[in-house]
PDB file of N, CA and C in Angstrom:
ATOM      1  N   MET A   1    -134.722-206.935  29.017  1.00  0.00           N
ATOM      2  CA  MET A   1    -134.763-207.157  30.224  1.00  0.00           C
ATOM      3  C   MET A   1    -134.858-206.245  31.180  1.00  0.00           C
ATOM      4  N   GLU A   2    -135.450-205.253  31.019  1.00  0.00           N
ATOM      5  CA  GLU A   2    -136.064-204.496  31.934  1.00  0.00           C
ATOM      6  C   GLU A   2    -136.476-204.827  33.236  1.00  0.00           C
ATOM      7  N   GLY A   3    -136.052-204.195  34.223  1.00  0.00           N
ATOM      8  CA  GLY A   3    -136.314-204.654  35.897  1.00  0.00           C
ATOM      9  C   GLY A   3    -135.829-206.240  36.461  1.00  0.00           C
ATOM     10  N   THR A   4    -134.927-206.377  35.656  1.00  0.00           N
ATOM     11  CA  THR A   4    -133.791-207.568  36.166  1.00  0.00           C
ATOM     12  C   THR A   4    -132.617-207.260  36.551  1.00  0.00           C
ATOM     13  N   GLU A   5    -132.260-207.566  37.578  1.00  0.00           N
ATOM     14  CA  GLU A   5    -130.618-207.306  38.428  1.00  0.00           C
ATOM     15  C   GLU A   5    -129.997-208.042  37.747  1.00  0.00           C
ATOM     16  N   ILE A   6    -128.799-207.621  37.539  1.00  0.00           N
ATOM     17  CA  ILE A   6    -127.687-208.661  36.921  1.00  0.00           C
ATOM     18  C   ILE A   6    -126.642-209.221  38.380  1.00  0.00           C
ATOM     19  N   ALA A   7    -126.170-210.292  38.307  1.00  0.00           N
ATOM     20  CA  ALA A   7    -125.198-210.222  39.547  1.00  0.00           C
ATOM     21  C   ALA A   7    -123.901-210.012  39.126  1.00  0.00           C
ATOM     22  N   ILE A   8    -123.258-209.439  39.923  1.00  0.00           N
ATOM     23  CA  ILE A   8    -121.799-209.242  39.884  1.00  0.00           C
ATOM     24  C   ILE A   8    -120.980-209.734  40.379  1.00  0.00           C
ATOM     25  N   ASN A   9    -120.478-210.553  39.748  1.00  0.00           N
ATOM     26  CA  ASN A   9    -118.727-210.971  40.612  1.00  0.00           C
ATOM     27  C   ASN A   9    -117.410-210.740  40.470  1.00  0.00           C
ATOM     28  N   CYS A  10    -117.231-209.798  41.332  1.00  0.00           N
ATOM     29  CA  CYS A  10    -115.950-208.471  41.399  1.00  0.00           C
ATOM     30  C   CYS A  10    -114.937-209.462  41.633  1.00  0.00           C
ATOM     31  N   THR A  11    -114.738-210.584  42.079  1.00  0.00           N
ATOM     32  CA  THR A  11    -113.712-211.405  42.133  1.00  0.00           C
ATOM     33  C   THR A  11    -113.001-211.988  40.614  1.00  0.00           C
ATOM     34  N   GLU A  12    -113.675-212.024  39.961  1.00  0.00           N
ATOM     35  CA  GLU A  12    -113.146-212.332  38.751  1.00  0.00           C
ATOM     36  C   GLU A  12    -112.807-210.969  37.807  1.00  0.00           C
ATOM     37  N   LYS A  13    -113.097-209.868  38.522  1.00  0.00           N
ATOM     38  CA  LYS A  13    -112.848-208.244  38.081  1.00  0.00           C
ATOM     39  C   LYS A  13    -111.737-208.073  38.562  1.00  0.00           C
ATOM     40  N   ASP A  14    -111.163-206.918  38.523  1.00  0.00           N
ATOM     41  CA  ASP A  14    -110.191-206.005  39.142  1.00  0.00           C
ATOM     42  C   ASP A  14    -110.671-205.689  40.789  1.00  0.00           C
ATOM     43  N   GLY A  15    -111.907-205.454  41.097  1.00  0.00           N
ATOM     44  CA  GLY A  15    -112.409-205.337  42.181  1.00  0.00           C
ATOM     45  C   GLY A  15    -112.657-206.234  43.400  1.00  0.00           C
ATOM     46  N   SER A  16    -112.532-206.058  44.638  1.00  0.00           N
ATOM     47  CA  SER A  16    -112.937-207.190  45.640  1.00  0.00           C
ATOM     48  C   SER A  16    -114.048-207.058  46.427  1.00  0.00           C
ATOM     49  N   LYS A  17    -114.981-206.091  46.149  1.00  0.00           N
ATOM     50  CA  LYS A  17    -116.056-206.185  46.741  1.00  0.00           C
ATOM     51  C   LYS A  17    -117.052-205.061  45.580  1.00  0.00           C
ATOM     52  N   ALA A  18    -118.534-205.497  45.661  1.00  0.00           N
ATOM     53  CA  ALA A  18    -119.373-204.704  44.570  1.00  0.00           C
ATOM     54  C   ALA A  18    -119.870-203.784  45.637  1.00  0.00           C
ATOM     55  N   CYS A  19    -119.919-202.286  45.254  1.00  0.00           N
ATOM     56  CA  CYS A  19    -120.355-201.186  45.531  1.00  0.00           C
ATOM     57  C   CYS A  19    -121.968-200.977  44.796  1.00  0.00           C
ATOM     58  N   TYR A  20    -122.598-200.281  45.809  1.00  0.00           N
ATOM     59  CA  TYR A  20    -123.859-200.097  44.772  1.00  0.00           C
ATOM     60  C   TYR A  20    -123.841-198.527  44.744  1.00  0.00           C
ATOM     61  N   THR A  21    -123.785-198.084  43.549  1.00  0.00           N
ATOM     62  CA  THR A  21    -123.915-197.052  43.164  1.00  0.00           C
ATOM     63  C   THR A  21    -125.309-196.205  43.149  1.00  0.00           C
ATOM     64  N   CYS A  22    -125.219-194.873  43.017  1.00  0.00           N
ATOM     65  CA  CYS A  22    -126.689-193.806  43.397  1.00  0.00           C
ATOM     66  C   CYS A  22    -126.341-192.705  43.320  1.00  0.00           C
ATOM     67  N   MET A  23    -127.269-191.799  42.747  1.00  0.00           N
ATOM     68  CA  MET A  23    -126.854-190.308  42.464  1.00  0.00           C
ATOM     69  C   MET A  23    -128.409-190.176  42.249  1.00  0.00           C
ATOM     70  N   GLY A  24    -128.893-188.929  43.090  1.00  0.00           N
ATOM     71  CA  GLY A  24    -130.095-188.632  43.374  1.00  0.00           C
ATOM     72  C   GLY A  24    -130.544-188.045  44.300  1.00  0.00           C
ATOM     73  N   ARG A  25    -132.120-187.237  44.563  1.00  0.00           N
ATOM     74  CA  ARG A  25    -132.737-186.606  45.822  1.00  0.00           C
ATOM     75  C   ARG A  25    -132.810-187.401  47.013  1.00  0.00           C
ATOM     76  N   ASP A  26    -133.280-188.646  46.524  1.00  0.00           N
ATOM     77  CA  ASP A  26    -133.421-189.689  47.536  1.00  0.00           C
ATOM     78  C   ASP A  26    -133.501-190.588  46.962  1.00  0.00           C
ATOM     79  N   MET A  27    -133.662-192.195  47.648  1.00  0.00           N
ATOM     80  CA  MET A  27    -133.352-193.160  47.543  1.00  0.00           C
ATOM     81  C   MET A  27    -134.418-193.984  46.429  1.00  0.00           C
ATOM     82  N   GLU A  28    -135.573-193.605  46.434  1.00  0.00           N
ATOM     83  CA  GLU A  28    -136.695-194.026  45.677  1.00  0.00           C
ATOM     84  C   GLU A  28    -136.152-193.672  44.456  1.00  0.00           C
ATOM     85  N   ASN A  29    -135.722-192.384  44.394  1.00  0.00           N
ATOM     86  CA  ASN A  29    -135.347-191.455  43.036  1.00  0.00           C
ATOM     87  C   ASN A  29    -134.181-191.118  42.333  1.00  0.00           C
ATOM     88  N   CYS A  30    -133.158-192.336  42.451  1.00  0.00           N
ATOM     89  CA  CYS A  30    -131.855-192.558  42.655  1.00  0.00           C
ATOM     90  C   CYS A  30    -131.664-193.526  41.250  1.00  0.00           C
ATOM     91  N   GLU A  31    -130.581-192.730  40.322  1.00  0.00           N
ATOM     92  CA  GLU A  31    -130.090-193.487  38.994  1.00  0.00           C
ATOM     93  C   GLU A  31    -128.720-194.555  39.668  1.00  0.00           C
ATOM     94  N   THR A  32    -129.554-195.873  39.594  1.00  0.00           N
ATOM     95  CA  THR A  32    -128.277-196.688  40.359  1.00  0.00           C
ATOM     96  C   THR A  32    -127.792-197.644  39.307  1.00  0.00           C
ATOM     97  N   GLY A  33    -126.481-198.328  40.160  1.00  0.00           N
ATOM     98  CA  GLY A  33    -126.051-199.408  39.362  1.00  0.00           C
ATOM     99  C   GLY A  33    -124.977-200.115  40.313  1.00  0.00           C
ATOM    100  N   THR A  34    -124.223-200.897  39.838  1.00  0.00           N
ATOM    101  CA  THR A  34    -122.864-201.584  41.198  1.00  0.00           C
ATOM    102  C   THR A  34    -121.875-201.432  39.863  1.00  0.00           C
ATOM    103  N   VAL A  35    -120.904-201.560  40.791  1.00  0.00           N
ATOM    104  CA  VAL A  35    -119.293-201.176  40.405  1.00  0.00           C
ATOM    105  C   VAL A  35    -118.854-202.160  41.459  1.00  0.00           C
ATOM    106  N   CYS A  36    -117.575-202.700  40.994  1.00  0.00           N
ATOM    107  CA  CYS A  36    -116.604-203.344  41.203  1.00  0.00           C
ATOM    108  C   CYS A  36    -115.454-202.196  41.966  1.00  0.00           C
ATOM    109  N   CYS A  37    -115.159-202.599  43.707  1.00  0.00           N
ATOM    110  CA  CYS A  37    -114.321-201.989  44.395  1.00  0.00           C
ATOM    111  C   CYS A  37    -113.387-202.478  44.917  1.00  0.00           C
ATOM    112  N   SER A  38    -112.012-201.785  44.784  1.00  0.00           N
ATOM    113  CA  SER A  38    -110.333-202.386  45.073  1.00  0.00           C
ATOM    114  C   SER A  38    -110.664-201.135  46.236  1.00  0.00           C
ATOM    115  N   GLY A  39    -111.672-200.336  46.736  1.00  0.00           N
ATOM    116  CA  GLY A  39    -111.733-199.576  47.899  1.00  0.00           C
ATOM    117  C   GLY A  39    -112.423-199.881  48.744  1.00  0.00           C
ATOM    118  N   SER A  40    -112.838-198.838  49.194  1.00  0.00           N
ATOM    119  CA  SER A  40    -114.330-198.866  50.175  1.00  0.00           C
ATOM    120  C   SER A  40    -115.235-198.166  49.293  1.00  0.00           C
ATOM    121  N   CYS A  41    -116.851-198.470  49.908  1.00  0.00           N
ATOM    122  CA  CYS A  41    -117.950-198.098  49.181  1.00  0.00           C
ATOM    123  C   CYS A  41    -118.204-196.582  50.308  1.00  0.00           C
ATOM    124  N   PHE A  42    -118.949-196.331  49.733  1.00  0.00           N
ATOM    125  CA  PHE A  42    -119.410-194.704  50.673  1.00  0.00           C
ATOM    126  C   PHE A  42    -120.858-194.196  50.423  1.00  0.00           C
ATOM    127  N   LYS A  43    -121.338-193.645  50.963  1.00  0.00           N
ATOM    128  CA  LYS A  43    -122.482-192.738  51.052  1.00  0.00           C
ATOM    129  C   LYS A  43    -122.134-191.419  51.443  1.00  0.00           C
ATOM    130  N   LEU A  44    -122.739-190.436  50.761  1.00  0.00           N
ATOM    131  CA  LEU A  44    -122.393-189.124  50.884  1.00  0.00           C
ATOM    132  C   LEU A  44    -124.121-188.332  50.727  1.00  0.00           C
ATOM    133  N   ILE A  45    -123.795-187.772  51.909  1.00  0.00           N
ATOM    134  CA  ILE A  45    -125.430-186.820  51.675  1.00  0.00           C
ATOM    135  C   ILE A  45    -125.212-185.262  51.790  1.00  0.00           C
ATOM    136  N   ASP A  46    -125.310-184.465  50.692  1.00  0.00           N
ATOM    137  CA  ASP A  46    -124.688-183.197  50.296  1.00  0.00           C
ATOM    138  C   ASP A  46    -126.377-182.362  50.912  1.00  0.00           C
ATOM    139  N   ILE A  47    -126.397-181.780  51.994  1.00  0.00           N
ATOM    140  CA  ILE A  47    -127.403-181.206  52.285  1.00  0.00           C
ATOM    141  C   ILE A  47    -127.926-179.729  51.911  1.00  0.00           C
ATOM    142  N   GLN A  48    -126.644-179.108  51.405  1.00  0.00           N
ATOM    143  CA  GLN A  48    -126.208-178.054  50.578  1.00  0.00           C
ATOM    144  C   GLN A  48    -127.547-178.266  49.206  1.00  0.00           C
ATOM    145  N   HIS A  49    -126.921-179.320  48.435  1.00  0.00           N
ATOM    146  CA  HIS A  49    -127.512-179.259  47.204  1.00  0.00           C
ATOM    147  C   HIS A  49    -128.832-180.262  47.309  1.00  0.00           C
ATOM    148  N   ASN A  50    -128.939-180.795  48.374  1.00  0.00           N
ATOM    149  CA  ASN A  50    -130.338-181.992  48.510  1.00  0.00           C
ATOM    150  C   ASN A  50    -130.061-182.919  47.162  1.00  0.00           C
ATOM    151  N   LEU A  51    -128.487-184.102  47.749  1.00  0.00           N
ATOM    152  CA  LEU A  51    -128.464-184.767  46.943  1.00  0.00           C
ATOM    153  C   LEU A  51    -127.667-186.030  47.689  1.00  0.00           C
ATOM    154  N   ILE A  52    -128.372-186.927  47.354  1.00  0.00           N
ATOM    155  CA  ILE A  52    -127.485-188.023  47.803  1.00  0.00           C
ATOM    156  C   ILE A  52    -126.569-188.887  47.232  1.00  0.00           C
ATOM    157  N   MET A  53    -125.356-189.451  47.117  1.00  0.00           N
ATOM    158  CA  MET A  53    -124.416-190.024  46.541  1.00  0.00           C
ATOM    159  C   MET A  53    -124.143-191.329  47.171  1.00  0.00           C
ATOM    160  N   LYS A  54    -123.669-192.497  46.286  1.00  0.00           N
ATOM    161  CA  LYS A  54    -123.401-193.522  46.635  1.00  0.00           C
ATOM    162  C   LYS A  54    -122.334-194.307  45.707  1.00  0.00           C
ATOM    163  N   GLY A  55    -121.446-194.764  46.346  1.00  0.00           N
ATOM    164  CA  GLY A  55    -120.211-195.208  45.055  1.00  0.00           C
ATOM    165  C   GLY A  55    -119.237-195.832  45.989  1.00  0.00           C
ATOM    166  N   CYS A  56    -118.295-195.630  44.867  1.00  0.00           N
ATOM    167  CA  CYS A  56    -116.149-196.277  45.479  1.00  0.00           C
ATOM    168  C   CYS A  56    -115.378-195.522  45.792  1.00  0.00           C
ATOM    169  N   THR A  57    -114.685-195.497  46.780  1.00  0.00           N
ATOM    170  CA  THR A  57    -113.136-194.655  46.765  1.00  0.00           C
ATOM    171  C   THR A  57    -112.142-195.695  46.235  1.00  0.00           C
ATOM    172  N   ASN A  58    -110.965-195.066  45.833  1.00  0.00           N
ATOM    173  CA  ASN A  58    -109.801-195.731  45.727  1.00  0.00           C
ATOM    174  C   ASN A  58    -109.235-196.637  46.873  1.00  0.00           C
ATOM    175  N   GLU A  59    -109.468-195.884  47.927  1.00  0.00           N
ATOM    176  CA  GLU A  59    -108.563-195.930  49.397  1.00  0.00           C
ATOM    177  C   GLU A  59    -109.406-196.860  50.398  1.00  0.00           C
ATOM    178  N   ASP A  60    -108.931-197.684  51.122  1.00  0.00           N
ATOM    179  CA  ASP A  60    -109.257-198.480  52.343  1.00  0.00           C
ATOM    180  C   ASP A  60    -110.074-197.448  53.285  1.00  0.00           C
ATOM    181  N   GLN A  61    -110.988-197.619  54.278  1.00  0.00           N
ATOM    182  CA  GLN A  61    -111.520-196.783  54.983  1.00  0.00           C
ATOM    183  C   GLN A  61    -112.337-197.686  55.890  1.00  0.00           C
ATOM    184  N   GLU A  62    -112.457-197.125  57.153  1.00  0.00           N
ATOM    185  CA  GLU A  62    -113.242-198.111  58.276  1.00  0.00           C
ATOM    186  C   GLU A  62    -114.624-198.042  57.981  1.00  0.00           C
ATOM    187  N   ASP A  63    -115.302-198.871  58.282  1.00  0.00           N
ATOM    188  CA  ASP A  63    -117.165-198.857  57.782  1.00  0.00           C
ATOM    189  C   ASP A  63    -117.521-197.842  58.822  1.00  0.00           C
ATOM    190  N   GLY A  64    -118.478-197.149  58.346  1.00  0.00           N
ATOM    191  CA  GLY A  64    -119.007-195.700  59.201  1.00  0.00           C
ATOM    192  C   GLY A  64    -118.232-194.888  59.504  1.00  0.00           C
ATOM    193  N   SER A  65    -117.037-194.911  58.749  1.00  0.00           N
ATOM    194  CA  SER A  65    -116.167-193.276  59.206  1.00  0.00           C
ATOM    195  C   SER A  65    -117.169-191.936  58.756  1.00  0.00           C
ATOM    196  N   MET A  66    -117.083-191.403  59.199  1.00  0.00           N
ATOM    197  CA  MET A  66    -117.810-189.800  59.111  1.00  0.00           C
ATOM    198  C   MET A  66    -116.931-188.940  58.207  1.00  0.00           C
ATOM    199  N   LYS A  67    -116.346-189.243  57.595  1.00  0.00           N
ATOM    200  CA  LYS A  67    -115.410-188.407  57.147  1.00  0.00           C
ATOM    201  C   LYS A  67    -116.179-187.779  55.728  1.00  0.00           C
ATOM    202  N   LYS A  68    -115.864-186.046  55.775  1.00  0.00           N
ATOM    203  CA  LYS A  68    -116.764-185.383  54.828  1.00  0.00           C
ATOM    204  C   LYS A  68    -115.506-184.788  53.850  1.00  0.00           C
ATOM    205  N   ARG A  69    -115.927-185.204  52.378  1.00  0.00           N
ATOM    206  CA  ARG A  69    -115.328-185.228  51.082  1.00  0.00           C
ATOM    207  C   ARG A  69    -116.277-184.260  50.313  1.00  0.00           C
ATOM    208  N   THR A  70    -115.491-183.868  49.490  1.00  0.00           N
ATOM    209  CA  THR A  70    -115.927-182.995  48.297  1.00  0.00           C
ATOM    210  C   THR A  70    -115.274-184.141  47.265  1.00  0.00           C
ATOM    211  N   LEU A  71    -116.112-184.511  46.390  1.00  0.00           N
ATOM    212  CA  LEU A  71    -116.234-185.365  44.935  1.00  0.00           C
ATOM    213  C   LEU A  71    -115.941-184.434  43.518  1.00  0.00           C
ATOM    214  N   ASP A  72    -115.177-185.096  42.652  1.00  0.00           N
ATOM    215  CA  ASP A  72    -114.741-184.140  41.730  1.00  0.00           C
ATOM    216  C   ASP A  72    -116.145-184.213  40.905  1.00  0.00           C
ATOM    217  N   VAL A  73    -117.428-184.308  40.935  1.00  0.00           N
ATOM    218  CA  VAL A  73    -118.629-184.106  40.424  1.00  0.00           C
ATOM    219  C   VAL A  73    -119.263-182.783  40.546  1.00  0.00           C
ATOM    220  N   LYS A  74    -119.530-182.305  39.524  1.00  0.00           N
ATOM    221  CA  LYS A  74    -119.832-180.608  39.003  1.00  0.00           C
ATOM    222  C   LYS A  74    -121.012-180.852  38.878  1.00  0.00           C
ATOM    223  N   LEU A  75    -122.215-179.891  39.768  1.00  0.00           N
ATOM    224  CA  LEU A  75    -123.536-179.821  39.673  1.00  0.00           C
ATOM    225  C   LEU A  75    -123.764-178.541  38.227  1.00  0.00           C
ATOM    226  N   TYR A  76    -124.104-179.157  37.302  1.00  0.00           N
ATOM    227  CA  TYR A  76    -124.176-178.026  36.005  1.00  0.00           C
ATOM    228  C   TYR A  76    -125.384-177.138  36.629  1.00  0.00           C
ATOM    229  N   TRP A  77    -126.265-177.738  37.395  1.00  0.00           N
ATOM    230  CA  TRP A  77    -127.636-176.506  37.439  1.00  0.00           C
ATOM    231  C   TRP A  77    -127.292-175.476  39.115  1.00  0.00           C
ATOM    232  N   VAL A  78    -126.345-175.691  39.416  1.00  0.00           N
ATOM    233  CA  VAL A  78    -125.928-174.638  40.458  1.00  0.00           C
ATOM    234  C   VAL A  78    -124.496-174.291  39.840  1.00  0.00           C
ATOM    235  N   ASN A  79    -124.105-174.252  38.856  1.00  0.00           N
ATOM    236  CA  ASN A  79    -123.126-173.244  38.159  1.00  0.00           C
ATOM    237  C   ASN A  79    -121.649-174.164  38.703  1.00  0.00           C
ATOM    238  N   ASP A  80    -121.990-175.432  38.470  1.00  0.00           N
ATOM    239  CA  ASP A  80    -120.962-176.285  38.102  1.00  0.00           C
ATOM    240  C   ASP A  80    -120.090-176.660  40.094  1.00  0.00           C
ATOM    241  N   GLU A  81    -121.154-175.981  40.894  1.00  0.00           N
ATOM    242  CA  GLU A  81    -120.534-176.505  42.234  1.00  0.00           C
ATOM    243  C   GLU A  81    -120.445-178.050  42.432  1.00  0.00           C
ATOM    244  N   LYS A  82    -119.558-178.462  43.160  1.00  0.00           N
ATOM    245  CA  LYS A  82    -118.688-179.793  43.553  1.00  0.00           C
ATOM    246  C   LYS A  82    -119.739-180.551  44.821  1.00  0.00           C
ATOM    247  N   VAL A  83    -120.166-181.715  44.525  1.00  0.00           N
ATOM    248  CA  VAL A  83    -120.706-182.514  45.536  1.00  0.00           C
ATOM    249  C   VAL A  83    -120.007-182.792  46.673  1.00  0.00           C
ATOM    250  N   THR A  84    -120.441-182.224  47.970  1.00  0.00           N
ATOM    251  CA  THR A  84    -119.703-182.012  49.444  1.00  0.00           C
ATOM    252  C   THR A  84    -120.621-182.564  50.019  1.00  0.00           C
ATOM    253  N   GLY A  85    -120.113-183.322  51.474  1.00  0.00           N
ATOM    254  CA  GLY A  85    -120.857-184.144  52.208  1.00  0.00           C
ATOM    255  C   GLY A  85    -120.151-184.598  53.180  1.00  0.00           C
TER     256      GLY A  85
END
């Protein structure tokens, strides 16, 4: 079923909302998916590593917050530096 998007009903799972997930150089070349999230969805742009990430945090945050964060995601191609944005 390549190219078919599967609908996810998060009210039947642990999360209260669905968050689009992504990691890549730009939105066209992103490994994607969807997760159920009980916290908040986020988008992070790591300028130093030329990387975009979208995902879910455990804590609730206001929409559009510009909070800087470092994720526990190690980038093997730059000596295991972590994603920051």
